[in-house]
Amino acid sequence: QVQLVESGGGLVQPGGSLRLSCAASGSIFSINVMGWYRQGPGKQRELVAAITSGGSTNYADSVKGRFTISRENAKNTVYLEMNSLKPEDTAVYYCNARGLYYSEYATVPFGSWGQGTHVTVSS
């Protein structure tokens, strides 16, 4: 019903920057929250940052001051600007969105995940 497609991952040196993008498509009525999660090698998936449709944001302590989340509501797109990257930021980054989509006779809640994009921070 709602698909998420991420882009922007890659290999970067410590101290470098990357920008991730995630676009949602489908029969979307509204998206309440969009966020980024990550799963490093041998670790559990964790929240990196999230943003509501009104622009309120929430960040993991480990990325505060280095990462910035933003969104374009009209494009159903969320971004994650990552600066001062560290080797411990290496992970697969997943986009997540929660909201409502159009079904045949009503709007229905959804929660969708993207396929993930790899971020590797290494010299």
N, C-alpha and C. Protein backbone atom coordinates (compact mmCIF):
# COMPACT_ATOMS: atom_id res chain seq x y z
N GLN A 1 0.81 -1.19 0.00
CA GLN A 1 0.00 0.00 0.00
C GLN A 1 0.86 1.26 0.00
N VAL A 2 1.90 1.27 0.82
CA VAL A 2 2.83 2.40 0.84
C VAL A 2 4.25 1.84 0.75
N GLN A 3 4.99 2.31 -0.22
CA GLN A 3 6.36 1.84 -0.42
C GLN A 3 7.34 2.97 -0.11
N LEU A 4 8.47 2.58 0.45
CA LEU A 4 9.53 3.53 0.77
C LEU A 4 10.79 3.14 0.01
N VAL A 5 11.41 4.11 -0.62
CA VAL A 5 12.64 3.87 -1.37
C VAL A 5 13.71 4.82 -0.86
N GLU A 6 14.81 4.23 -0.37
CA GLU A 6 15.91 5.02 0.18
C GLU A 6 17.02 5.17 -0.86
N SER A 7 17.82 6.22 -0.68
CA SER A 7 19.00 6.41 -1.51
C SER A 7 20.00 7.26 -0.73
N GLY A 8 21.25 7.23 -1.20
CA GLY A 8 22.25 8.11 -0.64
C GLY A 8 23.31 7.46 0.22
N GLY A 9 23.24 6.17 0.45
CA GLY A 9 24.27 5.52 1.25
C GLY A 9 25.57 5.39 0.49
N GLY A 10 26.60 4.90 1.18
CA GLY A 10 27.88 4.71 0.52
C GLY A 10 29.02 4.63 1.50
N LEU A 11 30.21 4.73 0.96
CA LEU A 11 31.44 4.69 1.75
C LEU A 11 31.96 6.11 1.93
N VAL A 12 32.29 6.45 3.16
CA VAL A 12 32.80 7.79 3.45
C VAL A 12 33.88 7.68 4.51
N GLN A 13 34.83 8.60 4.47
CA GLN A 13 35.90 8.60 5.48
C GLN A 13 35.41 9.21 6.78
N PRO A 14 36.03 8.85 7.89
CA PRO A 14 35.67 9.50 9.17
C PRO A 14 35.77 11.01 9.06
N GLY A 15 34.76 11.67 9.62
CA GLY A 15 34.68 13.13 9.53
C GLY A 15 33.92 13.62 8.32
N GLY A 16 33.58 12.73 7.43
CA GLY A 16 32.88 13.10 6.20
C GLY A 16 31.38 13.23 6.41
N SER A 17 30.69 13.46 5.29
CA SER A 17 29.25 13.69 5.32
C SER A 17 28.54 12.86 4.27
N LEU A 18 27.30 12.54 4.56
CA LEU A 18 26.41 11.88 3.60
C LEU A 18 25.00 12.40 3.82
N ARG A 19 24.21 12.33 2.76
CA ARG A 19 22.80 12.70 2.86
C ARG A 19 21.95 11.55 2.36
N LEU A 20 21.08 11.06 3.22
CA LEU A 20 20.16 10.00 2.84
C LEU A 20 18.80 10.60 2.50
N SER A 21 18.14 9.98 1.54
CA SER A 21 16.79 10.39 1.15
C SER A 21 15.87 9.18 1.17
N CYS A 22 14.61 9.43 1.46
CA CYS A 22 13.61 8.36 1.45
C CYS A 22 12.30 8.94 0.94
N ALA A 23 11.80 8.35 -0.14
CA ALA A 23 10.56 8.81 -0.74
C ALA A 23 9.47 7.76 -0.56
N ALA A 24 8.32 8.20 -0.10
CA ALA A 24 7.17 7.31 0.07
C ALA A 24 6.23 7.46 -1.11
N SER A 25 5.66 6.35 -1.54
CA SER A 25 4.71 6.38 -2.65
C SER A 25 3.60 5.37 -2.38
N GLY A 26 2.48 5.57 -3.08
CA GLY A 26 1.33 4.70 -2.91
C GLY A 26 0.10 5.52 -2.64
N SER A 27 -0.92 4.86 -2.12
CA SER A 27 -2.21 5.53 -1.87
C SER A 27 -2.17 6.19 -0.49
N ILE A 28 -1.37 7.22 -0.40
CA ILE A 28 -1.12 7.87 0.89
C ILE A 28 -2.17 8.92 1.19
N PHE A 29 -2.77 8.82 2.36
CA PHE A 29 -3.66 9.87 2.83
C PHE A 29 -2.87 10.87 3.67
N SER A 30 -2.09 10.36 4.59
CA SER A 30 -1.25 11.23 5.42
C SER A 30 -0.11 10.40 6.01
N ILE A 31 1.00 11.09 6.29
CA ILE A 31 2.13 10.46 6.97
C ILE A 31 2.38 11.25 8.25
N ASN A 32 2.17 10.61 9.38
CA ASN A 32 2.31 11.29 10.65
C ASN A 32 3.77 11.43 11.06
N VAL A 33 4.49 10.33 10.99
CA VAL A 33 5.89 10.33 11.43
C VAL A 33 6.74 9.64 10.37
N MET A 34 7.88 10.22 10.09
CA MET A 34 8.89 9.59 9.25
C MET A 34 10.18 9.55 10.05
N GLY A 35 10.91 8.48 9.90
CA GLY A 35 12.13 8.37 10.70
C GLY A 35 13.17 7.50 10.05
N TRP A 36 14.35 7.54 10.65
CA TRP A 36 15.47 6.72 10.23
C TRP A 36 15.92 5.85 11.40
N TYR A 37 16.11 4.59 11.10
CA TYR A 37 16.66 3.63 12.05
C TYR A 37 17.94 3.07 11.45
N ARG A 38 18.75 2.45 12.27
CA ARG A 38 19.96 1.81 11.75
C ARG A 38 20.24 0.53 12.51
N GLN A 39 20.92 -0.36 11.82
CA GLN A 39 21.33 -1.63 12.43
C GLN A 39 22.77 -1.89 12.06
N GLY A 40 23.64 -1.77 13.05
CA GLY A 40 25.06 -2.03 12.84
C GLY A 40 25.37 -3.51 12.95
N PRO A 41 26.56 -3.90 12.55
CA PRO A 41 26.97 -5.31 12.62
C PRO A 41 26.84 -5.86 14.04
N GLY A 42 26.07 -6.92 14.20
CA GLY A 42 25.91 -7.54 15.50
C GLY A 42 25.09 -6.75 16.49
N LYS A 43 24.38 -5.73 16.01
CA LYS A 43 23.60 -4.89 16.91
C LYS A 43 22.12 -4.95 16.57
N GLN A 44 21.30 -4.49 17.51
CA GLN A 44 19.87 -4.39 17.25
C GLN A 44 19.56 -3.10 16.50
N ARG A 45 18.45 -3.12 15.81
CA ARG A 45 18.01 -1.91 15.11
C ARG A 45 17.66 -0.85 16.14
N GLU A 46 18.10 0.38 15.88
CA GLU A 46 17.85 1.48 16.81
C GLU A 46 17.36 2.71 16.07
N LEU A 47 16.61 3.53 16.78
CA LEU A 47 16.14 4.79 16.21
C LEU A 47 17.31 5.76 16.11
N VAL A 48 17.43 6.39 14.96
CA VAL A 48 18.42 7.44 14.77
C VAL A 48 17.77 8.81 14.92
N ALA A 49 16.68 9.03 14.18
CA ALA A 49 15.99 10.32 14.23
C ALA A 49 14.60 10.14 13.65
N ALA A 50 13.68 10.99 14.11
CA ALA A 50 12.31 10.96 13.60
C ALA A 50 11.78 12.37 13.53
N ILE A 51 10.79 12.56 12.66
CA ILE A 51 10.19 13.88 12.49
C ILE A 51 8.71 13.72 12.22
N THR A 52 7.90 14.56 12.86
CA THR A 52 6.46 14.51 12.65
C THR A 52 6.07 15.41 11.47
N SER A 53 4.82 15.32 11.07
CA SER A 53 4.34 16.15 9.98
C SER A 53 4.38 17.63 10.35
N GLY A 54 4.36 17.91 11.64
CA GLY A 54 4.44 19.29 12.10
C GLY A 54 5.86 19.81 12.27
N GLY A 55 6.83 18.92 12.10
CA GLY A 55 8.22 19.34 12.16
C GLY A 55 8.93 19.06 13.47
N SER A 56 8.26 18.46 14.42
CA SER A 56 8.92 18.10 15.68
C SER A 56 9.90 16.96 15.43
N THR A 57 11.07 17.06 16.04
CA THR A 57 12.12 16.07 15.80
C THR A 57 12.57 15.41 17.09
N ASN A 58 13.15 14.22 16.90
CA ASN A 58 13.69 13.45 18.01
C ASN A 58 14.95 12.76 17.51
N TYR A 59 16.02 12.82 18.30
CA TYR A 59 17.30 12.24 17.88
C TYR A 59 17.84 11.30 18.94
N ALA A 60 18.56 10.29 18.50
CA ALA A 60 19.34 9.48 19.43
C ALA A 60 20.47 10.34 19.98
N ASP A 61 20.82 10.11 21.24
CA ASP A 61 21.88 10.91 21.86
C ASP A 61 23.18 10.82 21.08
N SER A 62 23.44 9.67 20.49
CA SER A 62 24.71 9.44 19.81
C SER A 62 24.87 10.26 18.53
N VAL A 63 23.78 10.83 18.01
CA VAL A 63 23.87 11.59 16.76
C VAL A 63 23.51 13.05 16.92
N LYS A 64 23.09 13.45 18.11
CA LYS A 64 22.70 14.85 18.32
C LYS A 64 23.87 15.78 18.01
N GLY A 65 23.57 16.83 17.28
CA GLY A 65 24.60 17.79 16.91
C GLY A 65 25.35 17.42 15.65
N ARG A 66 25.19 16.20 15.16
CA ARG A 66 25.88 15.75 13.95
C ARG A 66 24.90 15.45 12.81
N PHE A 67 23.74 14.91 13.14
CA PHE A 67 22.76 14.53 12.13
C PHE A 67 21.57 15.50 12.19
N THR A 68 20.98 15.73 11.03
CA THR A 68 19.78 16.56 10.95
C THR A 68 18.74 15.87 10.08
N ILE A 69 17.55 15.71 10.63
CA ILE A 69 16.45 15.12 9.86
C ILE A 69 15.53 16.23 9.38
N SER A 70 15.03 16.09 8.17
CA SER A 70 14.09 17.07 7.62
C SER A 70 13.14 16.34 6.68
N ARG A 71 12.06 16.99 6.31
CA ARG A 71 11.11 16.35 5.39
C ARG A 71 10.42 17.38 4.53
N GLU A 72 9.99 16.92 3.37
CA GLU A 72 9.16 17.70 2.47
C GLU A 72 7.81 17.01 2.41
N ASN A 73 6.84 17.55 3.12
CA ASN A 73 5.53 16.90 3.20
C ASN A 73 4.87 16.75 1.83
N ALA A 74 5.02 17.75 0.99
CA ALA A 74 4.37 17.72 -0.32
C ALA A 74 4.93 16.60 -1.20
N LYS A 75 6.17 16.20 -0.91
CA LYS A 75 6.81 15.14 -1.70
C LYS A 75 6.86 13.82 -0.95
N ASN A 76 6.31 13.79 0.26
CA ASN A 76 6.36 12.57 1.09
C ASN A 76 7.79 12.03 1.18
N THR A 77 8.71 12.93 1.40
CA THR A 77 10.13 12.58 1.41
C THR A 77 10.77 13.05 2.70
N VAL A 78 11.65 12.21 3.23
CA VAL A 78 12.41 12.55 4.43
C VAL A 78 13.90 12.45 4.10
N TYR A 79 14.67 13.30 4.74
CA TYR A 79 16.11 13.34 4.52
C TYR A 79 16.85 13.18 5.84
N LEU A 80 18.07 12.67 5.75
CA LEU A 80 18.94 12.61 6.92
C LEU A 80 20.30 13.12 6.49
N GLU A 81 20.64 14.30 6.98
CA GLU A 81 21.95 14.89 6.72
C GLU A 81 22.88 14.43 7.83
N MET A 82 23.95 13.73 7.44
CA MET A 82 24.87 13.16 8.43
C MET A 82 26.24 13.81 8.27
N ASN A 83 26.69 14.48 9.30
CA ASN A 83 27.99 15.14 9.30
C ASN A 83 28.89 14.56 10.38
N SER A 84 30.17 14.85 10.27
CA SER A 84 31.15 14.37 11.26
C SER A 84 30.98 12.88 11.53
N LEU A 85 30.88 12.14 10.46
CA LEU A 85 30.62 10.70 10.59
C LEU A 85 31.77 9.98 11.28
N LYS A 86 31.39 8.98 12.06
CA LYS A 86 32.34 8.17 12.82
C LYS A 86 32.24 6.71 12.38
N PRO A 87 33.30 5.94 12.58
CA PRO A 87 33.21 4.51 12.23
C PRO A 87 32.03 3.81 12.90
N GLU A 88 31.67 4.23 14.09
CA GLU A 88 30.54 3.60 14.78
C GLU A 88 29.18 3.94 14.17
N ASP A 89 29.15 4.85 13.20
CA ASP A 89 27.92 5.13 12.46
C ASP A 89 27.69 4.12 11.35
N THR A 90 28.68 3.26 11.11
CA THR A 90 28.54 2.24 10.07
C THR A 90 27.36 1.33 10.38
N ALA A 91 26.45 1.22 9.43
CA ALA A 91 25.22 0.44 9.64
C ALA A 91 24.41 0.41 8.36
N VAL A 92 23.39 -0.41 8.37
CA VAL A 92 22.34 -0.31 7.35
C VAL A 92 21.29 0.63 7.91
N TYR A 93 20.97 1.65 7.14
CA TYR A 93 20.00 2.66 7.57
C TYR A 93 18.66 2.38 6.89
N TYR A 94 17.62 2.34 7.72
CA TYR A 94 16.28 2.04 7.24
C TYR A 94 15.35 3.23 7.46
N CYS A 95 14.57 3.51 6.46
CA CYS A 95 13.54 4.54 6.56
C CYS A 95 12.25 3.90 7.07
N ASN A 96 11.52 4.64 7.87
CA ASN A 96 10.25 4.17 8.41
C ASN A 96 9.22 5.28 8.30
N ALA A 97 7.99 4.91 7.99
CA ALA A 97 6.91 5.89 7.92
C ALA A 97 5.65 5.29 8.51
N ARG A 98 4.90 6.12 9.22
CA ARG A 98 3.62 5.70 9.80
C ARG A 98 2.57 6.75 9.47
N GLY A 99 1.40 6.28 9.08
CA GLY A 99 0.33 7.21 8.74
C GLY A 99 -0.93 6.47 8.34
N LEU A 100 -1.65 7.05 7.37
CA LEU A 100 -2.89 6.48 6.87
C LEU A 100 -2.83 6.38 5.34
N TYR A 101 -3.36 5.30 4.81
CA TYR A 101 -3.47 5.18 3.36
C TYR A 101 -4.93 4.96 2.99
N TYR A 102 -5.23 5.25 1.71
CA TYR A 102 -6.58 5.06 1.19
C TYR A 102 -6.82 3.59 0.89
N SER A 103 -7.84 3.03 1.52
CA SER A 103 -8.32 1.73 1.11
C SER A 103 -9.59 1.95 0.31
N GLU A 104 -10.31 0.91 0.02
CA GLU A 104 -11.46 1.03 -0.88
C GLU A 104 -12.54 1.94 -0.31
N TYR A 105 -12.78 1.83 1.01
CA TYR A 105 -13.90 2.57 1.60
C TYR A 105 -13.49 3.46 2.76
N ALA A 106 -12.21 3.41 3.11
CA ALA A 106 -11.79 4.16 4.29
C ALA A 106 -10.30 4.38 4.26
N THR A 107 -9.83 5.13 5.23
CA THR A 107 -8.38 5.25 5.42
C THR A 107 -7.95 4.24 6.47
N VAL A 108 -6.78 3.67 6.25
CA VAL A 108 -6.27 2.58 7.09
C VAL A 108 -4.88 2.92 7.57
N PRO A 109 -4.59 2.67 8.84
CA PRO A 109 -3.23 2.94 9.33
C PRO A 109 -2.19 2.05 8.65
N PHE A 110 -1.02 2.58 8.45
CA PHE A 110 0.08 1.79 7.92
C PHE A 110 1.36 2.11 8.65
N GLY A 111 2.27 1.17 8.57
CA GLY A 111 3.64 1.34 9.04
C GLY A 111 4.53 0.63 8.04
N SER A 112 5.39 1.35 7.37
CA SER A 112 6.20 0.77 6.30
C SER A 112 7.68 0.99 6.55
N TRP A 113 8.47 0.05 6.02
CA TRP A 113 9.92 0.13 6.09
C TRP A 113 10.51 0.14 4.68
N GLY A 114 11.60 0.85 4.52
CA GLY A 114 12.35 0.78 3.29
C GLY A 114 13.23 -0.45 3.28
N GLN A 115 13.94 -0.64 2.16
CA GLN A 115 14.76 -1.83 2.01
C GLN A 115 16.12 -1.70 2.69
N GLY A 116 16.49 -0.50 3.07
CA GLY A 116 17.75 -0.25 3.75
C GLY A 116 18.83 0.22 2.80
N THR A 117 19.69 1.08 3.28
CA THR A 117 20.83 1.56 2.50
C THR A 117 22.07 1.50 3.38
N HIS A 118 23.18 1.01 2.82
CA HIS A 118 24.39 0.80 3.59
C HIS A 118 25.19 2.09 3.73
N VAL A 119 25.61 2.36 4.93
CA VAL A 119 26.53 3.45 5.20
C VAL A 119 27.77 2.87 5.87
N THR A 120 28.93 3.08 5.25
CA THR A 120 30.19 2.58 5.81
C THR A 120 31.12 3.76 6.02
N VAL A 121 31.59 3.90 7.25
CA VAL A 121 32.50 4.98 7.60
C VAL A 121 33.86 4.34 7.92
N SER A 122 34.80 4.55 7.01
CA SER A 122 36.09 3.88 7.16
C SER A 122 37.15 4.63 6.38
N SER A 123 38.37 4.60 6.89
CA SER A 123 39.48 5.21 6.17
C SER A 123 40.19 4.15 5.31
